Protein backbone atom coordinates (compact mmCIF):
# COMPACT_ATOMS: atom_id res chain seq x y z
CA UNK A 1 141.58 42.24 22.94
CA UNK A 2 140.19 45.35 24.59
CA UNK A 3 136.46 45.98 24.81
CA UNK A 4 136.69 48.90 22.39
CA UNK A 5 138.73 46.85 19.91
CA UNK A 6 136.15 44.08 20.17
CA UNK A 7 133.38 46.56 19.35
CA UNK A 8 135.33 47.87 16.36
CA UNK A 9 135.87 44.28 15.21
CA UNK A 10 132.17 43.45 15.60
CA UNK A 11 131.20 46.59 13.71
CA UNK A 12 133.68 46.36 10.83
CA UNK A 13 134.64 42.70 10.74
CA UNK A 14 138.28 43.79 10.84
CA UNK A 15 140.66 43.64 13.75
CA UNK A 16 142.07 47.07 14.63
CA UNK A 17 145.78 47.27 13.85
CA UNK A 18 146.56 49.28 16.98
CA UNK A 19 145.16 48.99 20.50
CA UNK A 20 142.59 51.62 21.41
CA UNK A 21 144.07 54.28 23.64
CA UNK A 22 142.05 55.76 26.46
CA UNK A 23 142.65 59.51 26.49
CA UNK A 24 139.56 60.53 28.42
CA UNK A 25 137.30 58.02 30.16
CA UNK A 26 134.17 60.07 29.37
CA UNK A 27 134.99 60.18 25.66
CA UNK A 28 135.53 56.42 25.64
CA UNK A 29 132.16 55.84 27.29
CA UNK A 30 130.47 58.09 24.72
CA UNK A 31 132.26 56.38 21.81
CA UNK A 32 131.40 52.91 23.11
CA UNK A 33 127.77 53.99 23.54
CA UNK A 34 127.66 55.29 19.96
CA UNK A 35 129.27 52.12 18.62
CA UNK A 36 126.77 49.99 20.57
CA UNK A 37 123.89 52.08 19.20
CA UNK A 38 125.22 51.66 15.66
CA UNK A 39 125.63 47.90 16.05
CA UNK A 40 122.11 47.49 17.48
CA UNK A 41 120.61 49.91 14.96
CA UNK A 42 122.23 48.06 12.06
CA UNK A 43 120.66 44.81 13.28
CA UNK A 44 117.23 46.40 13.69
CA UNK A 45 117.34 48.22 10.36
CA UNK A 46 117.48 44.89 8.55
CA UNK A 47 113.70 45.32 8.68
CA UNK A 48 114.22 47.41 5.53
CA UNK A 49 115.51 44.43 3.56
CA UNK A 50 112.38 44.38 1.36
CA UNK A 51 113.01 48.00 0.42
CA UNK A 52 116.66 47.28 -0.32
CA UNK A 53 115.58 44.37 -2.55
CA UNK A 54 113.01 46.65 -4.24
CA UNK A 55 115.76 49.15 -5.07
CA UNK A 56 118.10 46.44 -6.38
CA UNK A 57 115.31 45.03 -8.57
CA UNK A 58 114.42 48.47 -9.89
CA UNK A 59 118.05 49.12 -10.80
CA UNK A 60 118.35 45.71 -12.51
CA UNK A 61 115.05 46.09 -14.42
CA UNK A 62 115.24 49.76 -15.43
CA UNK A 63 118.78 50.91 -14.72
CA UNK A 64 117.30 53.57 -12.42
CA UNK A 65 116.41 53.73 -8.74
CA UNK A 66 112.72 53.87 -7.84
CA UNK A 67 111.08 57.25 -7.45
CA UNK A 68 111.55 58.99 -4.13
CA UNK A 69 107.84 58.56 -3.38
CA UNK A 70 108.00 54.78 -4.03
CA UNK A 71 111.09 54.55 -1.83
CA UNK A 72 109.37 56.37 1.06
CA UNK A 73 106.24 54.22 0.63
CA UNK A 74 108.32 51.05 0.93
CA UNK A 75 110.01 52.33 4.10
CA UNK A 76 106.56 53.06 5.57
CA UNK A 77 105.41 49.55 4.61
CA UNK A 78 108.49 48.09 6.34
CA UNK A 79 107.56 49.88 9.56
CA UNK A 80 103.88 48.98 9.33
CA UNK A 81 104.73 45.30 8.86
CA UNK A 82 106.32 45.43 12.35
CA UNK A 83 103.68 47.59 14.05
CA UNK A 84 100.26 48.30 12.52
CA UNK A 85 100.11 51.67 14.30
CA UNK A 86 103.82 52.51 14.03
CA UNK A 87 103.17 56.09 12.96
CA UNK A 88 100.72 56.74 15.79
CA UNK A 89 103.47 55.67 18.21
CA UNK A 90 106.15 57.66 16.36
CA UNK A 91 104.09 60.86 16.27
CA UNK A 92 103.36 60.56 20.01
CA UNK A 93 107.09 60.13 20.70
CA UNK A 94 108.00 63.09 18.48
CA UNK A 95 105.44 65.28 20.24
CA UNK A 96 107.01 64.37 23.61
CA UNK A 97 110.42 65.51 22.35
CA UNK A 98 108.99 68.67 20.81
CA UNK A 99 109.95 67.67 17.30
CA UNK A 100 107.44 68.88 14.73
CA UNK A 101 109.26 68.27 11.43
CA UNK A 102 107.04 65.48 10.15
C-alpha cells in the first residue's frame, strides 16, 4: 500500500480501488499535507462532542436544531473547557495574521 493510499484509508476507512498516481511531486506533497491536516483536525475537533450531543438532544426533544446563538455558545464553552483564556490566545494569533473578522 502506498503512503497516499494509506492516508486515504485512514481518512475514509475504505481502501482505494486504484493506486494513487504521482503526476507532480509538489502536488502530492500538498495533498498529503492537507490530508494529514484533516486527519489531525478531525481528531482534535472531537472536543466539540458535547455540542454535537446538545444538537442531537435538541433535535430529539423538539424536532428542531438549537438556535444559532445557543450553538455558538456551546462551541465557545467547548473551547473554554480546554483553555480558560482560549479567546485571548485566539485574538492574539488573529492579530498577528492581520485577520480582523471577529
